[in-house]
């Protein structure tokens, strides 16, 4: 199964079975890889998830997702949405705390 494969796409997907897919992302690094792997492994549908950056001079990251049943692509999509929600929550919490700090500093 190949969903996307061209030099301009940031995502390429390969695999024979919908429960075992490798997602190839361009222009990403360990920050996204490790965070995404963590979120994926929290999903009870995921049997295995791992990521690798084959070589520092190559600008790609491979993420392998294997599920017990169901589509690995759906699980991957859900993990991306979950990671975005987590990031937005962290950003909002940080912004609130910074504003509270500035308000305290102005009042002192």
N, C-alpha and C. Protein backbone atom coordinates (compact mmCIF):
# COMPACT_ATOMS: atom_id res chain seq x y z
N UNK A 1 0.85 -1.18 0.00
CA UNK A 1 0.00 0.00 0.00
C UNK A 1 0.88 1.23 0.00
N UNK A 2 0.76 2.05 -1.00
CA UNK A 2 1.46 3.33 -1.04
C UNK A 2 0.45 4.44 -1.17
N UNK A 3 0.44 5.35 -0.22
CA UNK A 3 -0.51 6.44 -0.23
C UNK A 3 0.08 7.65 -0.94
N UNK A 4 1.31 7.96 -0.65
CA UNK A 4 1.94 9.12 -1.28
C UNK A 4 3.40 8.80 -1.54
N UNK A 5 3.87 9.24 -2.68
CA UNK A 5 5.28 9.06 -2.97
C UNK A 5 5.70 10.05 -4.05
N UNK A 6 6.22 11.17 -3.62
CA UNK A 6 6.83 12.13 -4.53
C UNK A 6 7.82 12.96 -3.74
N UNK A 7 8.68 13.64 -4.41
CA UNK A 7 9.76 14.37 -3.74
C UNK A 7 9.27 15.61 -3.00
N UNK A 8 8.09 16.12 -3.33
CA UNK A 8 7.60 17.34 -2.70
C UNK A 8 6.73 17.06 -1.49
N UNK A 9 6.23 15.85 -1.34
CA UNK A 9 5.35 15.50 -0.23
C UNK A 9 6.16 15.36 1.05
N UNK A 10 5.59 15.84 2.16
CA UNK A 10 6.26 15.69 3.46
C UNK A 10 6.01 14.33 4.06
N UNK A 11 5.03 13.58 3.52
CA UNK A 11 4.67 12.28 4.08
C UNK A 11 4.56 11.25 2.98
N UNK A 12 5.17 10.12 3.24
CA UNK A 12 5.09 8.97 2.33
C UNK A 12 4.71 7.78 3.21
N UNK A 13 3.86 6.91 2.71
CA UNK A 13 3.41 5.76 3.49
C UNK A 13 3.65 4.50 2.68
N UNK A 14 4.22 3.49 3.33
CA UNK A 14 4.41 2.23 2.62
C UNK A 14 4.07 1.07 3.55
N UNK A 15 3.64 -0.02 2.94
CA UNK A 15 3.30 -1.22 3.67
C UNK A 15 2.41 -2.11 2.84
N UNK A 16 2.36 -3.37 3.19
CA UNK A 16 1.55 -4.33 2.46
C UNK A 16 0.18 -4.49 3.12
N UNK A 17 0.15 -4.41 4.42
CA UNK A 17 -1.04 -4.67 5.23
C UNK A 17 -1.44 -3.37 5.92
N UNK A 18 -2.73 -3.10 6.02
CA UNK A 18 -3.17 -1.85 6.65
C UNK A 18 -2.87 -1.79 8.14
N UNK A 19 -2.56 -2.94 8.76
CA UNK A 19 -2.24 -2.94 10.19
C UNK A 19 -0.76 -2.69 10.46
N UNK A 20 0.07 -2.73 9.42
CA UNK A 20 1.52 -2.52 9.57
C UNK A 20 1.99 -1.55 8.50
N UNK A 21 2.21 -0.31 8.89
CA UNK A 21 2.61 0.71 7.92
C UNK A 21 3.84 1.46 8.42
N UNK A 22 4.63 1.92 7.47
CA UNK A 22 5.76 2.79 7.76
C UNK A 22 5.47 4.16 7.18
N UNK A 23 5.54 5.16 8.02
CA UNK A 23 5.31 6.54 7.61
C UNK A 23 6.67 7.22 7.49
N UNK A 24 6.94 7.79 6.34
CA UNK A 24 8.21 8.45 6.09
C UNK A 24 7.95 9.95 6.03
N UNK A 25 8.50 10.66 7.00
CA UNK A 25 8.29 12.10 7.07
C UNK A 25 9.57 12.84 6.69
N UNK A 26 9.43 13.88 5.93
CA UNK A 26 10.57 14.71 5.53
C UNK A 26 10.64 15.95 6.43
N UNK A 27 11.85 16.43 6.61
CA UNK A 27 12.10 17.67 7.35
C UNK A 27 11.62 17.62 8.80
N UNK A 28 11.69 16.45 9.43
CA UNK A 28 11.34 16.32 10.84
C UNK A 28 12.51 15.67 11.58
N UNK A 29 12.49 15.80 12.91
CA UNK A 29 13.61 15.28 13.69
C UNK A 29 13.11 14.54 14.92
N UNK A 30 14.00 14.32 15.88
CA UNK A 30 13.68 13.55 17.08
C UNK A 30 12.59 14.21 17.93
N UNK A 31 12.44 15.52 17.84
CA UNK A 31 11.41 16.20 18.64
C UNK A 31 10.04 15.64 18.31
N UNK A 32 9.70 15.59 17.04
CA UNK A 32 8.42 15.02 16.64
C UNK A 32 8.43 13.51 16.77
N UNK A 33 9.51 12.87 16.38
CA UNK A 33 9.58 11.41 16.39
C UNK A 33 9.34 10.81 17.76
N UNK A 34 10.03 11.31 18.76
CA UNK A 34 9.89 10.76 20.10
C UNK A 34 8.53 11.10 20.70
N UNK A 35 8.04 12.31 20.47
CA UNK A 35 6.73 12.70 20.99
C UNK A 35 5.63 11.87 20.36
N UNK A 36 5.71 11.68 19.06
CA UNK A 36 4.70 10.91 18.35
C UNK A 36 4.74 9.43 18.75
N UNK A 37 5.94 8.91 18.92
CA UNK A 37 6.08 7.52 19.36
C UNK A 37 5.44 7.34 20.74
N UNK A 38 5.66 8.30 21.64
CA UNK A 38 5.08 8.23 22.98
C UNK A 38 3.55 8.21 22.92
N UNK A 39 2.97 9.11 22.14
CA UNK A 39 1.51 9.19 22.02
C UNK A 39 0.96 7.92 21.38
N UNK A 40 1.63 7.42 20.36
CA UNK A 40 1.18 6.18 19.70
C UNK A 40 1.20 5.00 20.66
N UNK A 41 2.24 4.88 21.47
CA UNK A 41 2.35 3.74 22.38
C UNK A 41 1.31 3.79 23.51
N UNK A 42 0.73 4.95 23.77
CA UNK A 42 -0.34 5.06 24.77
C UNK A 42 -1.66 4.50 24.24
N UNK A 43 -1.77 4.31 22.93
CA UNK A 43 -3.00 3.80 22.32
C UNK A 43 -3.02 2.28 22.46
N UNK A 44 -4.08 1.71 23.08
CA UNK A 44 -4.13 0.26 23.28
C UNK A 44 -4.23 -0.55 21.98
N UNK A 45 -4.57 0.09 20.86
CA UNK A 45 -4.63 -0.61 19.58
C UNK A 45 -3.24 -0.87 19.00
N UNK A 46 -2.24 -0.14 19.49
CA UNK A 46 -0.89 -0.22 18.92
C UNK A 46 -0.13 -1.39 19.54
N UNK A 47 0.34 -2.27 18.69
CA UNK A 47 1.17 -3.40 19.10
C UNK A 47 2.63 -2.98 19.17
N UNK A 48 3.07 -2.20 18.19
CA UNK A 48 4.46 -1.77 18.11
C UNK A 48 4.52 -0.41 17.45
N UNK A 49 5.43 0.41 17.93
CA UNK A 49 5.72 1.69 17.28
C UNK A 49 7.19 2.02 17.54
N UNK A 50 7.86 2.41 16.51
CA UNK A 50 9.25 2.84 16.63
C UNK A 50 9.56 3.83 15.55
N UNK A 51 10.57 4.64 15.79
CA UNK A 51 10.97 5.59 14.76
C UNK A 51 12.48 5.57 14.62
N UNK A 52 12.92 5.98 13.45
CA UNK A 52 14.37 6.07 13.23
C UNK A 52 14.65 7.19 12.24
N UNK A 53 15.82 7.74 12.38
CA UNK A 53 16.35 8.68 11.41
C UNK A 53 17.55 7.95 10.82
N UNK A 54 17.41 7.45 9.58
CA UNK A 54 18.42 6.56 9.01
C UNK A 54 19.84 7.12 9.01
N UNK A 55 19.98 8.39 8.68
CA UNK A 55 21.31 8.99 8.63
C UNK A 55 21.17 10.50 8.79
N UNK A 56 22.07 11.14 9.54
CA UNK A 56 21.95 12.59 9.75
C UNK A 56 21.96 13.42 8.47
N UNK A 57 22.59 12.91 7.43
CA UNK A 57 22.62 13.70 6.19
C UNK A 57 21.33 13.53 5.37
N UNK A 58 20.51 12.52 5.71
CA UNK A 58 19.22 12.36 5.06
C UNK A 58 18.18 13.09 5.88
N UNK A 59 17.34 13.83 5.23
CA UNK A 59 16.36 14.65 5.92
C UNK A 59 15.02 13.91 6.05
N UNK A 60 15.06 12.64 6.49
CA UNK A 60 13.84 11.86 6.63
C UNK A 60 13.80 11.14 7.98
N UNK A 61 12.56 10.83 8.39
CA UNK A 61 12.34 10.07 9.60
C UNK A 61 11.32 8.99 9.27
N UNK A 62 11.59 7.76 9.70
CA UNK A 62 10.68 6.64 9.49
C UNK A 62 9.96 6.33 10.80
N UNK A 63 8.64 6.21 10.73
CA UNK A 63 7.86 5.80 11.89
C UNK A 63 7.09 4.54 11.51
N UNK A 64 7.34 3.46 12.23
CA UNK A 64 6.68 2.19 11.97
C UNK A 64 5.56 2.02 12.99
N UNK A 65 4.35 1.73 12.50
CA UNK A 65 3.20 1.53 13.37
C UNK A 65 2.57 0.18 13.03
N UNK A 66 2.41 -0.66 14.06
CA UNK A 66 1.74 -1.94 13.89
C UNK A 66 0.59 -1.99 14.89
N UNK A 67 -0.60 -2.33 14.40
CA UNK A 67 -1.77 -2.40 15.26
C UNK A 67 -2.22 -3.85 15.41
N UNK A 68 -2.98 -4.12 16.47
CA UNK A 68 -3.55 -5.45 16.65
C UNK A 68 -4.62 -5.72 15.60
N UNK A 69 -5.43 -4.70 15.34
CA UNK A 69 -6.43 -4.77 14.28
C UNK A 69 -6.79 -3.33 13.89
N UNK A 70 -7.35 -3.16 12.74
CA UNK A 70 -7.71 -1.81 12.30
C UNK A 70 -6.57 -1.17 11.54
N UNK A 71 -6.84 0.00 11.06
CA UNK A 71 -5.90 0.71 10.20
C UNK A 71 -4.82 1.45 10.99
N UNK A 72 -3.57 1.18 10.62
CA UNK A 72 -2.45 1.91 11.23
C UNK A 72 -2.50 3.37 10.83
N UNK A 73 -3.02 3.67 9.63
CA UNK A 73 -3.14 5.06 9.17
C UNK A 73 -4.11 5.83 10.05
N UNK A 74 -5.23 5.20 10.44
CA UNK A 74 -6.18 5.87 11.32
C UNK A 74 -5.58 6.13 12.70
N UNK A 75 -4.84 5.17 13.21
CA UNK A 75 -4.18 5.32 14.51
C UNK A 75 -3.13 6.44 14.44
N UNK A 76 -2.39 6.48 13.34
CA UNK A 76 -1.37 7.52 13.15
C UNK A 76 -2.02 8.90 13.09
N UNK A 77 -3.11 9.02 12.36
CA UNK A 77 -3.84 10.28 12.24
C UNK A 77 -4.34 10.74 13.61
N UNK A 78 -4.91 9.79 14.39
CA UNK A 78 -5.39 10.12 15.73
C UNK A 78 -4.24 10.58 16.63
N UNK A 79 -3.09 9.95 16.51
CA UNK A 79 -1.93 10.35 17.33
C UNK A 79 -1.49 11.76 16.98
N UNK A 80 -1.52 12.10 15.69
CA UNK A 80 -1.15 13.46 15.30
C UNK A 80 -2.12 14.48 15.89
N UNK A 81 -3.41 14.17 15.85
CA UNK A 81 -4.42 15.08 16.42
C UNK A 81 -4.26 15.18 17.93
N UNK A 82 -4.01 14.05 18.60
CA UNK A 82 -3.79 14.05 20.05
C UNK A 82 -2.56 14.86 20.42
N UNK A 83 -1.49 14.71 19.65
CA UNK A 83 -0.26 15.45 19.93
C UNK A 83 -0.48 16.95 19.74
N UNK A 84 -1.26 17.31 18.73
CA UNK A 84 -1.57 18.73 18.53
C UNK A 84 -2.37 19.27 19.71
N UNK A 85 -3.36 18.50 20.20
CA UNK A 85 -4.16 18.93 21.34
C UNK A 85 -3.30 19.09 22.59
N UNK A 86 -2.39 18.16 22.81
CA UNK A 86 -1.46 18.26 23.95
C UNK A 86 -0.61 19.51 23.84
N UNK A 87 -0.08 19.77 22.66
CA UNK A 87 0.76 20.95 22.43
C UNK A 87 -0.01 22.24 22.65
N UNK A 88 -1.25 22.28 22.19
CA UNK A 88 -2.08 23.48 22.39
C UNK A 88 -2.37 23.70 23.87
N UNK A 89 -2.62 22.62 24.60
CA UNK A 89 -2.87 22.74 26.04
C UNK A 89 -1.62 23.28 26.76
N UNK A 90 -0.47 22.77 26.41
CA UNK A 90 0.78 23.24 27.02
C UNK A 90 1.00 24.72 26.71
N UNK A 91 0.77 25.10 25.48
CA UNK A 91 0.95 26.50 25.07
C UNK A 91 0.00 27.41 25.84
N UNK A 92 -1.27 27.01 25.95
CA UNK A 92 -2.25 27.82 26.68
C UNK A 92 -1.88 27.93 28.16
N UNK A 93 -1.48 26.82 28.77
CA UNK A 93 -1.09 26.84 30.19
C UNK A 93 0.12 27.73 30.40
N UNK A 94 1.08 27.65 29.50
CA UNK A 94 2.28 28.46 29.61
C UNK A 94 1.93 29.95 29.49
N UNK A 95 1.08 30.28 28.53
CA UNK A 95 0.69 31.68 28.31
C UNK A 95 -0.01 32.24 29.54
N UNK A 96 -0.90 31.46 30.15
CA UNK A 96 -1.60 31.90 31.35
C UNK A 96 -0.61 32.16 32.48
N UNK A 97 0.33 31.25 32.68
CA UNK A 97 1.30 31.42 33.76
C UNK A 97 2.22 32.63 33.53
N UNK A 98 2.60 32.87 32.28
CA UNK A 98 3.43 34.04 31.98
C UNK A 98 2.66 35.32 32.27
N UNK A 99 1.39 35.35 31.88
CA UNK A 99 0.56 36.53 32.16
C UNK A 99 0.40 36.74 33.65
N UNK A 100 0.19 35.65 34.41
CA UNK A 100 0.09 35.76 35.86
C UNK A 100 1.39 36.32 36.45
N UNK A 101 2.50 35.86 35.95
CA UNK A 101 3.80 36.33 36.43
C UNK A 101 3.95 37.83 36.17
N UNK A 102 3.64 38.26 34.94
CA UNK A 102 3.75 39.69 34.61
C UNK A 102 2.81 40.54 35.45
N UNK A 103 1.63 40.05 35.75
CA UNK A 103 0.69 40.78 36.59
C UNK A 103 1.24 40.91 38.01
N UNK A 104 1.82 39.83 38.54
CA UNK A 104 2.43 39.89 39.88
C UNK A 104 3.59 40.86 39.90
N UNK A 105 4.40 40.88 38.86
CA UNK A 105 5.55 41.78 38.79
C UNK A 105 5.11 43.24 38.74
N UNK A 106 4.03 43.51 38.05
CA UNK A 106 3.51 44.90 37.95
C UNK A 106 2.94 45.36 39.28
N UNK A 107 2.36 44.43 40.06
CA UNK A 107 1.72 44.78 41.33
C UNK A 107 2.73 44.92 42.47
N UNK A 108 3.93 44.44 42.30
CA UNK A 108 4.92 44.51 43.39
C UNK A 108 5.71 45.77 43.34
